[in-house]
Amino acid sequence: MMITNEAAISLAGVFPPIPTPFDEEGHVAHGPLTDNVQRWNEHDFAGYVVLGSNGEMVYLTDQERVEVWETVREGTPADKLMIAGTGCESTRQTIQLSSQAAAVGADAVLVLTPHYYRGQMTGEALAHHYWSVADALEIPVLLYNMPRFTGVDMDAPSVTRIAQHPNVVGIKDSGGNVGKLAQIVDSAGADLQVLAGSASFFLPALTVGALGGVMALANVAPQETIDLYDLFQAGRLEEAARLQRRLIAVNTAVTAQFGVPGLKAALDILDYYGGPVRSPLQPLGELEIQTLKAILVEGEVL
């Protein structure tokens, strides 16, 4: 059964793509996950993205993925969305995993572009993939464009075409091409809600019509990212621009510079639970942690 765009969820606002905590033995740490969610619940987030790139989704078994969704769903208030990352390489597996996410109460799924056979991931192939997933689900589908990790960068015409399916309601685009975001907003119109995939271009994305953002930075600077969104909504653009500039270095530290290990280390520094990464990722060294602390202080997050 397909829903129509008119009945679709609103994606306006800020969504942290939450990390998956592990204990020292490498098991998913459900208690600390619940504790983190409870702290994030104190902020006016629109919801959570669970098992995106920052959730180390590719390192989890299907059973672990379902259990993580269950834990976060249980801790997420009814007024916040839970969006599950379910993108797999095959359409069949993506549908199966997305159906499991729907069964545990996900409000929508975020589907990363297939990319192993990237040379064959044409606009036609991607449209068939996403339309098949959207046909099979009763909950909405969001596209996830993450070219830095996948090597696949959906262009605006392809996104606009895929968005014609009534159950495809949004896109998280992490490519950083604000011109392309503007083109998508202009061509897809009400058919697609656009979300910035990084705080590095959050304000520019909002100015060209994005409705919100899914940003690693929101995990460690929750109020600052919400403030940036609220300042834009209030038309206080000069203040918003100052805040955007202040957060750039912190955002870089927990994304491109140190990656998921840096994000988890920042959570530990800020008295959340970050904990270990899952191998083959490696934790930060002591010098890197001190550098990260200095960046957090300079950015007024710590």
Protein backbone atom coordinates (compact mmCIF):
# COMPACT_ATOMS: atom_id res chain seq x y z
CA MET A 1 0.00 0.00 0.00
CA MET A 2 1.30 3.45 -0.88
CA ILE A 3 0.64 6.67 0.99
CA THR A 4 0.26 9.96 -0.83
CA ASN A 5 2.51 12.95 -0.42
CA GLU A 6 -0.41 14.82 1.16
CA ALA A 7 -0.43 12.31 4.04
CA ALA A 8 3.34 12.13 4.38
CA ILE A 9 5.33 13.08 7.46
CA SER A 10 6.92 16.50 7.86
CA LEU A 11 10.70 16.47 7.83
CA ALA A 12 11.13 20.08 8.94
CA GLY A 13 13.73 20.57 11.66
CA VAL A 14 16.94 19.03 12.97
CA PHE A 15 17.69 15.30 13.13
CA PRO A 16 20.84 13.86 14.71
CA PRO A 17 22.09 10.69 12.99
CA ILE A 18 22.85 8.96 16.25
CA PRO A 19 25.92 6.74 16.78
CA THR A 20 25.58 3.13 17.88
CA PRO A 21 27.33 2.60 21.24
CA PHE A 22 29.35 -0.54 21.86
CA ASP A 23 30.77 -1.93 25.10
CA GLU A 24 34.39 -2.95 25.59
CA GLU A 25 33.62 -6.46 24.29
CA GLY A 26 32.17 -5.03 21.09
CA HIS A 27 28.51 -5.72 21.81
CA VAL A 28 25.83 -3.09 21.24
CA ALA A 29 25.42 -1.19 24.52
CA HIS A 30 21.66 -0.74 24.78
CA GLY A 31 21.69 0.89 28.22
CA PRO A 32 23.99 3.75 27.18
CA LEU A 33 22.01 4.08 23.95
CA THR A 34 18.84 4.62 25.97
CA ASP A 35 20.64 7.11 28.24
CA ASN A 36 21.89 9.12 25.25
CA VAL A 37 18.43 9.24 23.69
CA GLN A 38 16.93 10.43 26.96
CA ARG A 39 19.39 13.33 27.03
CA TRP A 40 18.74 14.22 23.40
CA ASN A 41 15.02 14.13 24.14
CA GLU A 42 15.53 17.27 26.23
CA HIS A 43 16.14 19.18 23.01
CA ASP A 44 13.60 20.17 20.38
CA PHE A 45 14.74 17.72 17.73
CA ALA A 46 12.32 16.72 15.00
CA GLY A 47 13.47 13.15 15.49
CA TYR A 48 16.36 10.75 15.09
CA VAL A 49 18.04 8.98 12.20
CA VAL A 50 19.04 5.54 13.46
CA LEU A 51 21.71 3.57 11.59
CA GLY A 52 22.88 6.06 9.08
CA SER A 53 26.58 6.40 8.32
CA ASN A 54 27.33 7.65 11.84
CA GLY A 55 25.52 4.63 13.28
CA GLU A 56 28.13 2.25 11.80
CA MET A 57 25.21 0.53 10.10
CA VAL A 58 27.44 -1.38 7.68
CA TYR A 59 29.17 -3.10 10.62
CA LEU A 60 26.00 -4.41 12.27
CA THR A 61 24.21 -7.69 11.64
CA ASP A 62 20.55 -7.54 10.64
CA GLN A 63 19.56 -8.76 14.11
CA GLU A 64 21.65 -6.04 15.76
CA ARG A 65 20.05 -3.44 13.50
CA VAL A 66 16.55 -4.49 14.52
CA GLU A 67 17.50 -4.47 18.20
CA VAL A 68 18.97 -0.96 17.93
CA TRP A 69 15.77 0.29 16.25
CA GLU A 70 13.71 -1.31 19.00
CA THR A 71 15.73 0.40 21.73
CA VAL A 72 15.56 3.82 20.11
CA ARG A 73 11.87 3.45 19.24
CA GLU A 74 11.10 2.67 22.88
CA GLY A 75 12.96 5.78 24.02
CA THR A 76 11.63 8.17 21.37
CA PRO A 77 8.61 10.31 22.33
CA ALA A 78 5.56 10.24 20.11
CA ASP A 79 6.22 13.81 18.94
CA LYS A 80 9.62 12.88 17.45
CA LEU A 81 10.18 10.80 14.34
CA MET A 82 12.38 7.73 14.18
CA ILE A 83 13.89 7.29 10.72
CA ALA A 84 15.69 4.00 10.14
CA GLY A 85 18.66 3.62 7.84
CA THR A 86 17.95 0.52 5.75
CA GLY A 87 19.90 0.84 2.50
CA CYS A 88 21.48 -2.40 1.27
CA GLU A 89 23.17 -3.32 -1.98
CA SER A 90 20.26 -5.30 -3.42
CA THR A 91 16.69 -4.14 -3.81
CA ARG A 92 15.42 -7.40 -2.31
CA GLN A 93 17.51 -7.06 0.85
CA THR A 94 16.62 -3.38 1.21
CA ILE A 95 12.91 -4.22 1.08
CA GLN A 96 13.35 -7.00 3.63
CA LEU A 97 15.29 -4.84 6.08
CA SER A 98 12.98 -1.85 5.55
CA SER A 99 9.98 -4.05 6.32
CA GLN A 100 11.63 -5.09 9.57
CA ALA A 101 12.19 -1.44 10.45
CA ALA A 102 8.54 -0.68 9.77
CA ALA A 103 7.50 -3.62 11.95
CA VAL A 104 9.35 -2.20 14.97
CA GLY A 105 7.78 1.22 14.54
CA ALA A 106 10.03 3.29 12.29
CA ASP A 107 8.19 6.31 10.90
CA ALA A 108 10.21 6.27 7.67
CA VAL A 109 13.28 4.65 6.14
CA LEU A 110 16.44 6.31 4.82
CA VAL A 111 17.79 4.34 1.86
CA LEU A 112 21.42 4.80 0.83
CA THR A 113 22.20 4.48 -2.86
CA PRO A 114 23.45 1.01 -3.87
CA HIS A 115 27.06 1.47 -4.93
CA TYR A 116 29.14 -1.72 -5.17
CA TYR A 117 28.47 -1.84 -8.93
CA ARG A 118 28.60 1.93 -9.13
CA GLY A 119 29.28 1.98 -12.85
CA GLN A 120 25.88 0.41 -13.45
CA MET A 121 23.98 2.66 -11.02
CA THR A 122 22.38 4.70 -13.77
CA GLY A 123 19.38 6.92 -13.27
CA GLU A 124 17.23 4.10 -14.61
CA ALA A 125 18.69 1.54 -12.18
CA LEU A 126 18.29 3.86 -9.20
CA ALA A 127 14.72 4.77 -10.15
CA HIS A 128 13.81 1.06 -10.41
CA HIS A 129 15.46 0.38 -7.04
CA TYR A 130 13.78 3.20 -5.14
CA TRP A 131 10.39 2.75 -6.76
CA SER A 132 10.45 -0.97 -5.92
CA VAL A 133 11.27 -0.20 -2.28
CA ALA A 134 8.62 2.50 -2.12
CA ASP A 135 6.01 0.19 -3.68
CA ALA A 136 6.70 -2.48 -1.07
CA LEU A 137 6.42 -0.31 2.04
CA GLU A 138 3.58 1.30 3.97
CA ILE A 139 5.91 3.89 5.53
CA PRO A 140 7.63 6.73 3.62
CA VAL A 141 11.00 6.44 1.92
CA LEU A 142 13.82 9.00 1.98
CA LEU A 143 16.66 8.94 -0.51
CA TYR A 144 20.18 9.09 0.93
CA ASN A 145 22.87 10.58 -1.30
CA MET A 146 26.35 10.18 0.26
CA PRO A 147 28.87 10.36 -2.59
CA ARG A 148 31.93 10.63 -0.31
CA PHE A 149 31.32 7.09 0.92
CA THR A 150 29.56 5.51 -2.05
CA GLY A 151 31.06 7.11 -5.13
CA VAL A 152 27.49 7.48 -6.44
CA ASP A 153 26.17 11.03 -6.71
CA MET A 154 22.56 11.23 -7.84
CA ASP A 155 22.02 14.23 -10.07
CA ALA A 156 19.04 16.53 -9.76
CA PRO A 157 17.08 15.12 -12.74
CA SER A 158 17.39 11.58 -11.33
CA VAL A 159 16.28 12.70 -7.88
CA THR A 160 13.35 14.62 -9.36
CA ARG A 161 12.29 11.60 -11.39
CA ILE A 162 12.46 9.25 -8.39
CA ALA A 163 10.49 11.78 -6.32
CA GLN A 164 7.50 11.33 -8.60
CA HIS A 165 6.68 8.18 -6.65
CA PRO A 166 4.12 9.20 -4.01
CA ASN A 167 5.85 7.23 -1.24
CA VAL A 168 9.25 8.87 -1.80
CA VAL A 169 8.96 11.92 0.43
CA GLY A 170 12.45 13.26 1.08
CA ILE A 171 16.17 13.22 0.51
CA LYS A 172 19.15 13.56 2.77
CA ASP A 173 21.91 14.90 0.53
CA SER A 174 25.40 14.93 2.01
CA GLY A 175 27.22 15.96 -1.15
CA GLY A 176 27.45 19.62 -0.21
CA ASN A 177 26.46 20.92 -3.65
CA VAL A 178 24.07 23.70 -2.65
CA GLY A 179 23.41 24.55 -6.29
CA LYS A 180 22.15 21.02 -6.86
CA LEU A 181 19.96 21.24 -3.74
CA ALA A 182 18.41 24.42 -5.13
CA GLN A 183 17.77 22.67 -8.43
CA ILE A 184 16.08 19.75 -6.65
CA VAL A 185 13.91 22.08 -4.59
CA ASP A 186 12.94 23.97 -7.72
CA SER A 187 12.20 20.95 -9.91
CA ALA A 188 10.72 18.49 -7.40
CA GLY A 189 8.69 21.10 -5.55
CA ALA A 190 6.19 19.73 -3.05
CA ASP A 191 6.98 16.15 -4.12
CA LEU A 192 10.19 16.07 -2.11
CA GLN A 193 11.42 17.46 1.22
CA VAL A 194 15.13 18.24 1.14
CA LEU A 195 17.42 17.78 4.14
CA ALA A 196 21.02 18.99 4.37
CA GLY A 197 23.29 16.06 5.17
CA SER A 198 25.92 18.06 7.01
CA ALA A 199 26.10 21.09 9.27
CA SER A 200 28.89 22.43 7.06
CA PHE A 201 26.29 23.76 4.63
CA PHE A 202 23.16 23.82 6.82
CA LEU A 203 22.40 27.53 6.56
CA PRO A 204 23.10 27.74 2.81
CA ALA A 205 20.83 24.73 2.29
CA LEU A 206 18.03 26.36 4.27
CA THR A 207 18.33 29.52 2.20
CA VAL A 208 17.69 27.59 -1.05
CA GLY A 209 14.69 25.72 0.32
CA ALA A 210 15.85 22.78 2.44
CA LEU A 211 13.44 22.08 5.29
CA GLY A 212 16.00 20.86 7.80
CA GLY A 213 19.10 18.79 8.31
CA VAL A 214 20.43 15.39 9.34
CA MET A 215 23.79 16.32 10.82
CA ALA A 216 26.44 14.54 12.87
CA LEU A 217 27.09 17.81 14.67
CA ALA A 218 23.61 17.69 16.20
CA ASN A 219 24.73 14.81 18.42
CA VAL A 220 27.38 16.90 20.19
CA ALA A 221 25.97 20.42 19.71
CA PRO A 222 22.24 19.78 19.89
CA GLN A 223 21.10 23.19 21.01
CA GLU A 224 23.45 25.06 18.69
CA THR A 225 22.13 23.26 15.61
CA ILE A 226 18.54 23.83 16.72
CA ASP A 227 19.34 27.50 17.40
CA LEU A 228 20.72 27.84 13.89
CA TYR A 229 17.51 26.43 12.45
CA ASP A 230 15.37 28.67 14.67
CA LEU A 231 17.35 31.80 13.81
CA PHE A 232 16.82 31.12 10.12
CA GLN A 233 13.11 30.55 10.66
CA ALA A 234 12.89 33.85 12.54
CA GLY A 235 14.63 35.72 9.74
CA ARG A 236 17.63 36.57 11.93
CA LEU A 237 20.08 35.76 9.17
CA GLU A 238 23.09 37.70 10.42
CA GLU A 239 23.00 35.87 13.77
CA ALA A 240 22.43 32.59 11.96
CA ALA A 241 25.46 33.22 9.75
CA ARG A 242 27.67 33.96 12.78
CA LEU A 243 26.58 30.72 14.43
CA GLN A 244 27.10 28.77 11.21
CA ARG A 245 30.67 30.07 10.98
CA ARG A 246 31.39 29.26 14.64
CA LEU A 247 30.31 25.66 14.20
CA ILE A 248 32.29 24.90 11.05
CA ALA A 249 35.48 23.72 12.76
CA VAL A 250 33.59 21.58 15.27
CA ASN A 251 31.56 20.01 12.48
CA THR A 252 34.70 19.29 10.46
CA ALA A 253 36.29 17.62 13.49
CA VAL A 254 33.44 15.14 14.00
CA THR A 255 33.03 14.43 10.29
CA ALA A 256 35.81 14.71 7.71
CA GLN A 257 38.71 15.21 10.12
CA PHE A 258 38.19 12.45 12.70
CA GLY A 259 35.05 10.70 11.42
CA VAL A 260 32.95 8.38 13.56
CA PRO A 261 35.83 7.81 16.04
CA GLY A 262 35.95 11.59 16.54
CA LEU A 263 32.20 11.83 16.98
CA LYS A 264 32.26 9.14 19.63
CA ALA A 265 35.24 10.72 21.37
CA ALA A 266 33.43 14.08 21.41
CA LEU A 267 30.40 12.43 23.01
CA ASP A 268 32.66 10.98 25.72
CA ILE A 269 34.23 14.40 26.31
CA LEU A 270 30.76 15.94 26.65
CA ASP A 271 29.61 13.29 29.17
CA TYR A 272 27.42 11.35 26.79
CA TYR A 273 28.37 7.75 26.03
CA GLY A 274 30.51 7.51 22.92
CA GLY A 275 32.47 4.37 23.66
CA PRO A 276 34.47 2.20 21.29
CA VAL A 277 34.10 2.02 17.53
CA ARG A 278 33.74 -1.32 15.81
CA SER A 279 36.79 -2.74 14.01
CA PRO A 280 38.28 -2.04 11.52
CA LEU A 281 37.64 1.55 12.67
CA GLN A 282 40.18 2.61 15.29
CA PRO A 283 39.78 4.97 18.26
CA LEU A 284 41.48 8.34 18.39
CA GLY A 285 44.92 8.57 19.95
CA GLU A 286 45.60 10.82 22.93
CA LEU A 287 47.04 13.63 20.81
CA GLU A 288 43.98 13.56 18.57
CA ILE A 289 41.69 13.68 21.61
CA GLN A 290 43.49 16.75 22.92
CA THR A 291 43.17 18.40 19.51
CA LEU A 292 39.46 17.57 19.48
CA LYS A 293 38.99 19.05 22.96
CA ALA A 294 40.64 22.28 21.87
CA ILE A 295 38.33 22.49 18.85
CA LEU A 296 35.26 21.92 21.05
CA VAL A 297 36.41 24.69 23.39
CA GLU A 298 37.16 27.09 20.54
CA GLY A 299 33.72 26.39 19.06
CA GLU A 300 32.09 27.04 22.46
CA VAL A 301 30.59 23.56 22.56
CA LEU A 302 32.74 22.46 25.51
